[in-house]
Structure formats: C-alpha cells, structure tokens
Amino acid sequence: MERKGGVKEQQLGFSDWERSRVRKQARKEKFLYEMEAVLPFSTLVKVMQPF
C-alpha cells in the first residue's frame, strides 16, 4: 500500500495488532483468576466428580 507522497504503509498482521494494543482485564477474567487462587480448578473437579 502506498500513501500520498510515496511513503509505504505497512499492514499489521492480526498477532501484531493483538500485541500492540493494551487491554484491560475483563471482570470475568479477574474473577476466574481470583477463584483459581482460592480454590484450584483441579480440586473443584475432584470434589464435584462423584456427582
């Protein structure tokens, strides 16, 4: 792609775009992170498995 004035514009790939943006942690992600610290998922699965 060329812009006016002959300067070439480079297109970002999807992974480059993902890394370039700063994203706020979603409430769901924060909740799951905190729950994992309190009760690891593997332990929860072991408790629920008999049911």
Foldseek 3Di string as FASTA:
>chain_A
DADPPRDDDDDDDPVRVVVPDDDDDDPVNVVVVVVCVVPNPVNVCVVPVVD
